[in-house]
Amino acid sequence: MKLGIIGLGNMGSAMLTGILKKGLVKPEEVLGAEPDEKRRQEIEKSLSIRVTGENKEVAAYADILILAVKPQVYETVLKDIRKTLPKETVVISIAPGKTLAWLTKELGGEIKLVRCMPNTPALVMEGCTGVCRNSAVSDEEFTRVLELLNCFGKAYEVSEKMMDAVVAVSGSSPAYVFMLIEAMADAAVAEGMPRQSAYSFAAQAVYGSAKMVLETGKHPGELKDMVCSPGGTTIEAVQVLEECGFRSAIIEAMRACAARSREL
C-alpha cells in the first residue's frame, strides 16, 4: 500500500510513527509533504521515509492520503491537490469542522473520503479517534483505514453529526485533563509535596481512574461511590467540587468547544 501524508507536524508525525511501528506500512511505501525544509530533514532521519515539499506529488502517489494540516490551510491545500488526486485514492481528513460535503466540494467532485478526529495522546500511542466516511468508501477500504487509525490508540466509527461532540469529548479534552492534573498538583504542593512528586501522583491517579472505567465497565458514578466512604475525606472533596460547579463547568466548556468546531 502506498501511503501519503500532507503535514508532518506533531499530530501527523505521531500518527505516522504509530502506523510504522505496527508494521502495516513500510517506510519505503510512505511519501510525506512538509513545507519546512528543516522539518523535512528531521522526519527523513527519524522515520526513514521520503519527504517532499510538493503536496501534488504526494496526492498523485498515494492509495491512502492523510491530510494532517491545520483547518486554516485546508482550502489552499485542497485547491493545490484536487487536479492530481486520483479518484481511487481514499482521503483521510483530520480537520475539525470540515464536513464530508465541504471536502467533496473543495476537491471538485465525488471522492472517497474519511473524516476523523484524533487527539494528542496519539503521541504516546494512546489516542482516541472518532471516524466517519462517505458512501464512496467501501467496507474493505474503511476496515483498512480503521486498522491504520488503531495503530496509535483506539478508533471508533461514529455518525458525522457526532463529530463536533467527538471534538469536545476527546479531540480537545486532553487540555481539560492537563488542567485538572496541574490543579491537583498545585494543591498537593500547597500541602507540602515536592512538585515533581505531585505531578506524578496526580497523573497516575487520572491514568488509573480512566483505566478502571474502561476495564471494569462500571458506571463512573458507581466507581465514584466506591471511593466515597461515609463521613470520609473523599465525600468532603466531592461536596466542594459540586458547590463550585465542577460538572457544570465541564459541560459548558464542552458545549463551547463543539460550537467552535461547527464554526471552523
Protein backbone atom coordinates (compact mmCIF):
# COMPACT_ATOMS: atom_id res chain seq x y z
CA MET A 1 0.00 0.00 0.00
CA LYS A 2 1.23 3.47 -0.88
CA LEU A 3 0.56 5.87 1.99
CA GLY A 4 0.75 9.63 1.57
CA ILE A 5 0.60 12.24 4.31
CA ILE A 6 0.43 16.00 3.88
CA GLY A 7 1.52 17.79 7.05
CA LEU A 8 4.18 16.35 9.35
CA GLY A 9 3.70 18.38 12.50
CA ASN A 10 3.06 16.84 15.91
CA MET A 11 -0.18 15.08 15.01
CA GLY A 12 0.83 13.92 11.53
CA SER A 13 4.16 12.55 12.72
CA ALA A 14 2.53 10.88 15.74
CA MET A 15 0.01 9.10 13.51
CA LEU A 16 2.72 8.04 11.11
CA THR A 17 5.03 6.82 13.90
CA GLY A 18 2.29 4.51 15.22
CA ILE A 19 1.49 3.18 11.75
CA LEU A 20 5.15 2.41 11.06
CA LYS A 21 5.67 0.82 14.49
CA LYS A 22 2.78 -1.57 13.87
CA GLY A 23 4.31 -2.54 10.54
CA LEU A 24 1.14 -2.00 8.49
CA VAL A 25 3.16 0.12 6.08
CA LYS A 26 6.89 0.05 5.39
CA PRO A 27 8.89 3.31 5.44
CA GLU A 28 9.71 2.96 1.75
CA GLU A 29 5.95 2.89 0.98
CA VAL A 30 5.37 6.31 2.56
CA LEU A 31 5.66 9.71 0.93
CA GLY A 32 5.11 12.82 3.04
CA ALA A 33 4.78 16.51 2.26
CA GLU A 34 6.06 19.21 4.60
CA PRO A 35 6.73 22.86 3.68
CA ASP A 36 9.51 23.43 6.23
CA GLU A 37 12.87 22.15 4.97
CA LYS A 38 14.35 21.67 8.45
CA ARG A 39 11.33 19.63 9.49
CA ARG A 40 11.59 17.54 6.29
CA GLN A 41 15.17 16.64 7.18
CA GLU A 42 14.20 15.73 10.75
CA ILE A 43 11.39 13.44 9.60
CA GLU A 44 13.52 11.75 6.93
CA LYS A 45 16.13 11.00 9.57
CA SER A 46 13.78 9.86 12.36
CA LEU A 47 11.24 7.84 10.34
CA SER A 48 13.28 6.88 7.26
CA ILE A 49 10.51 7.91 4.87
CA ARG A 50 10.66 10.00 1.71
CA VAL A 51 9.59 13.62 2.19
CA THR A 52 8.91 16.33 -0.36
CA GLY A 53 7.82 19.94 -0.31
CA GLU A 54 5.20 19.32 -3.01
CA ASN A 55 1.64 18.43 -1.98
CA LYS A 56 0.74 17.48 -5.56
CA GLU A 57 3.46 14.85 -5.67
CA VAL A 58 2.08 13.14 -2.57
CA ALA A 59 -1.54 13.32 -3.80
CA ALA A 60 -0.63 11.70 -7.10
CA TYR A 61 1.33 8.93 -5.35
CA ALA A 62 -0.94 7.71 -2.56
CA ASP A 63 -3.51 4.92 -2.34
CA ILE A 64 -4.48 6.36 1.05
CA LEU A 65 -3.81 10.05 1.69
CA ILE A 66 -3.84 11.61 5.17
CA LEU A 67 -4.43 15.36 5.34
CA ALA A 68 -2.82 16.38 8.64
CA VAL A 69 -2.70 20.15 8.22
CA LYS A 70 -4.41 22.93 10.20
CA PRO A 71 -8.04 23.76 9.30
CA GLN A 72 -6.99 27.27 8.28
CA VAL A 73 -4.90 25.99 5.37
CA TYR A 74 -7.22 23.21 4.19
CA GLU A 75 -8.76 25.26 1.40
CA THR A 76 -5.33 26.12 -0.01
CA VAL A 77 -4.07 22.53 0.22
CA LEU A 78 -7.20 21.03 -1.38
CA LYS A 79 -7.07 23.53 -4.22
CA ASP A 80 -3.44 22.54 -4.76
CA ILE A 81 -4.06 18.78 -4.99
CA ARG A 82 -7.51 18.32 -6.49
CA LYS A 83 -6.37 18.10 -10.11
CA THR A 84 -3.72 15.47 -9.39
CA LEU A 85 -5.68 13.38 -6.89
CA PRO A 86 -6.76 10.01 -8.39
CA LYS A 87 -10.43 9.12 -7.94
CA GLU A 88 -9.44 5.76 -6.39
CA THR A 89 -7.47 7.39 -3.55
CA VAL A 90 -9.01 7.26 -0.07
CA VAL A 91 -8.56 10.67 1.56
CA ILE A 92 -8.45 10.90 5.37
CA SER A 93 -9.12 14.34 6.83
CA ILE A 94 -8.33 15.18 10.48
CA ALA A 95 -9.62 18.77 10.50
CA PRO A 96 -12.41 19.76 12.92
CA GLY A 97 -15.39 21.47 11.33
CA LYS A 98 -14.61 20.40 7.76
CA THR A 99 -17.59 18.26 6.75
CA LEU A 100 -17.65 15.49 4.17
CA ALA A 101 -19.85 17.68 1.97
CA TRP A 102 -17.43 20.60 2.21
CA LEU A 103 -14.44 18.39 1.47
CA THR A 104 -16.20 16.88 -1.54
CA LYS A 105 -16.98 20.32 -2.92
CA GLU A 106 -13.43 21.62 -2.40
CA LEU A 107 -11.95 18.55 -4.08
CA GLY A 108 -14.11 19.16 -7.11
CA GLY A 109 -16.43 16.18 -7.11
CA GLU A 110 -17.15 12.73 -5.71
CA ILE A 111 -14.10 11.29 -3.93
CA LYS A 112 -13.50 8.56 -1.35
CA LEU A 113 -13.49 10.46 1.96
CA VAL A 114 -12.95 9.56 5.59
CA ARG A 115 -13.26 12.21 8.27
CA CYS A 116 -11.66 11.63 11.65
CA MET A 117 -10.69 13.47 14.84
CA PRO A 118 -7.63 12.11 16.65
CA ASN A 119 -6.18 13.66 19.81
CA THR A 120 -2.71 14.41 21.17
CA PRO A 121 -2.35 11.21 23.27
CA ALA A 122 -1.62 9.68 19.86
CA LEU A 123 1.90 10.96 20.63
CA VAL A 124 2.18 8.16 23.24
CA MET A 125 0.10 5.65 21.22
CA GLU A 126 -2.97 6.19 23.44
CA GLY A 127 -5.05 8.32 21.10
CA CYS A 128 -8.82 8.30 20.76
CA THR A 129 -10.19 8.86 17.26
CA GLY A 130 -13.76 9.29 16.04
CA VAL A 131 -14.24 8.25 12.39
CA CYS A 132 -16.92 8.57 9.71
CA ARG A 133 -16.95 8.06 5.94
CA ASN A 134 -18.89 8.90 2.82
CA SER A 135 -20.70 6.36 0.65
CA ALA A 136 -17.85 6.13 -1.85
CA VAL A 137 -15.64 4.31 0.68
CA SER A 138 -16.15 0.53 0.60
CA ASP A 139 -16.30 -1.64 3.71
CA GLU A 140 -12.93 -3.15 2.80
CA GLU A 141 -11.33 0.28 2.40
CA PHE A 142 -12.84 1.50 5.66
CA THR A 143 -11.55 -1.53 7.52
CA ARG A 144 -8.08 -0.71 6.25
CA VAL A 145 -8.43 2.89 7.42
CA LEU A 146 -9.54 1.75 10.88
CA GLU A 147 -6.50 -0.54 11.06
CA LEU A 148 -4.27 2.46 10.38
CA LEU A 149 -6.02 4.67 12.94
CA ASN A 150 -5.90 1.95 15.60
CA CYS A 151 -2.11 1.94 15.33
CA PHE A 152 -1.82 4.93 17.67
CA GLY A 153 -4.73 4.29 20.04
CA LYS A 154 -8.41 3.43 19.67
CA ALA A 155 -10.60 4.36 16.70
CA TYR A 156 -14.40 4.31 16.84
CA GLU A 157 -16.87 4.75 13.99
CA VAL A 158 -19.48 7.46 14.61
CA SER A 159 -22.09 9.24 12.51
CA GLU A 160 -20.90 12.52 11.03
CA LYS A 161 -23.42 14.51 13.09
CA MET A 162 -21.49 13.35 16.18
CA MET A 163 -18.11 14.69 15.02
CA ASP A 164 -18.42 18.04 16.81
CA ALA A 165 -19.19 16.13 20.02
CA VAL A 166 -16.11 13.98 19.33
CA VAL A 167 -14.01 17.15 19.11
CA ALA A 168 -15.31 18.21 22.54
CA VAL A 169 -15.15 14.85 24.34
CA SER A 170 -11.82 13.55 23.02
CA GLY A 171 -10.18 15.85 20.48
CA SER A 172 -9.84 18.85 22.83
CA SER A 173 -10.36 17.14 26.18
CA PRO A 174 -6.68 16.36 26.89
CA ALA A 175 -6.35 20.09 27.63
CA TYR A 176 -9.08 19.85 30.29
CA VAL A 177 -7.37 16.81 31.83
CA PHE A 178 -3.98 18.54 31.86
CA MET A 179 -5.57 21.48 33.68
CA LEU A 180 -7.06 19.06 36.22
CA ILE A 181 -3.69 17.39 36.78
CA GLU A 182 -1.99 20.77 37.14
CA ALA A 183 -4.57 21.97 39.67
CA MET A 184 -4.33 18.73 41.67
CA ALA A 185 -0.54 19.02 41.72
CA ASP A 186 -0.70 22.67 42.82
CA ALA A 187 -2.91 21.69 45.76
CA ALA A 188 -0.53 18.88 46.72
CA VAL A 189 2.40 21.32 46.59
CA ALA A 190 0.44 23.66 48.87
CA GLU A 191 0.18 20.72 51.27
CA GLY A 192 3.98 20.33 51.22
CA MET A 193 4.57 17.72 48.50
CA PRO A 194 7.53 18.30 46.11
CA ARG A 195 6.24 19.46 42.72
CA GLN A 196 7.58 16.61 40.61
CA SER A 197 6.10 14.06 43.01
CA ALA A 198 2.82 15.96 42.91
CA TYR A 199 2.67 15.74 39.11
CA SER A 200 3.45 12.01 39.24
CA PHE A 201 0.80 11.27 41.85
CA ALA A 202 -1.87 13.34 40.08
CA ALA A 203 -1.14 11.95 36.61
CA GLN A 204 -1.05 8.34 37.79
CA ALA A 205 -4.33 8.82 39.65
CA VAL A 206 -6.01 10.12 36.49
CA TYR A 207 -4.48 7.36 34.36
CA GLY A 208 -5.55 4.63 36.79
CA SER A 209 -9.06 6.04 37.17
CA ALA A 210 -9.55 6.14 33.40
CA LYS A 211 -8.34 2.56 33.15
CA MET A 212 -10.90 1.49 35.77
CA VAL A 213 -13.72 3.00 33.69
CA LEU A 214 -12.51 1.22 30.55
CA GLU A 215 -11.72 -2.17 32.08
CA THR A 216 -14.42 -2.65 34.72
CA GLY A 217 -17.35 -1.50 32.60
CA LYS A 218 -18.85 0.11 35.70
CA HIS A 219 -20.66 3.46 35.55
CA PRO A 220 -18.36 6.34 36.58
CA GLY A 221 -20.87 7.28 39.28
CA GLU A 222 -20.61 3.78 40.77
CA LEU A 223 -16.82 3.97 40.77
CA LYS A 224 -17.00 7.37 42.45
CA ASP A 225 -19.29 5.95 45.15
CA MET A 226 -16.76 3.17 45.80
CA VAL A 227 -14.23 5.84 46.85
CA CYS A 228 -16.66 7.92 48.92
CA SER A 229 -16.75 6.27 52.37
CA PRO A 230 -19.46 7.55 54.74
CA GLY A 231 -18.15 10.54 56.67
CA GLY A 232 -14.80 10.23 54.91
CA THR A 233 -12.33 12.52 53.21
CA THR A 234 -13.44 11.94 49.60
CA ILE A 235 -17.08 12.90 50.08
CA GLU A 236 -15.91 16.18 51.60
CA ALA A 237 -13.90 16.91 48.46
CA VAL A 238 -16.79 15.88 46.21
CA GLN A 239 -19.14 18.23 48.08
CA VAL A 240 -16.77 21.16 47.45
CA LEU A 241 -16.50 20.27 43.75
CA GLU A 242 -20.30 20.23 43.50
CA GLU A 243 -20.58 23.58 45.30
CA CYS A 244 -18.05 25.09 42.88
CA GLY A 245 -19.94 23.89 39.81
CA PHE A 246 -17.36 21.32 38.68
CA ARG A 247 -19.74 19.30 36.49
CA SER A 248 -21.42 22.37 35.03
CA ALA A 249 -18.06 23.94 34.14
CA ILE A 250 -17.01 20.83 32.20
CA ILE A 251 -20.35 20.60 30.38
CA GLU A 252 -20.35 24.29 29.40
CA ALA A 253 -16.71 24.09 28.26
CA MET A 254 -17.51 21.14 26.01
CA ARG A 255 -20.56 22.90 24.58
CA ALA A 256 -18.39 25.91 23.71
CA CYS A 257 -15.81 23.59 22.15
CA ALA A 258 -18.39 21.83 19.97
CA ALA A 259 -19.90 25.17 18.92
CA ARG A 260 -16.48 26.44 17.86
CA SER A 261 -15.89 23.24 15.89
CA ARG A 262 -19.09 23.89 13.92
CA GLU A 263 -17.84 27.39 13.08
CA LEU A 264 -14.49 26.31 11.59
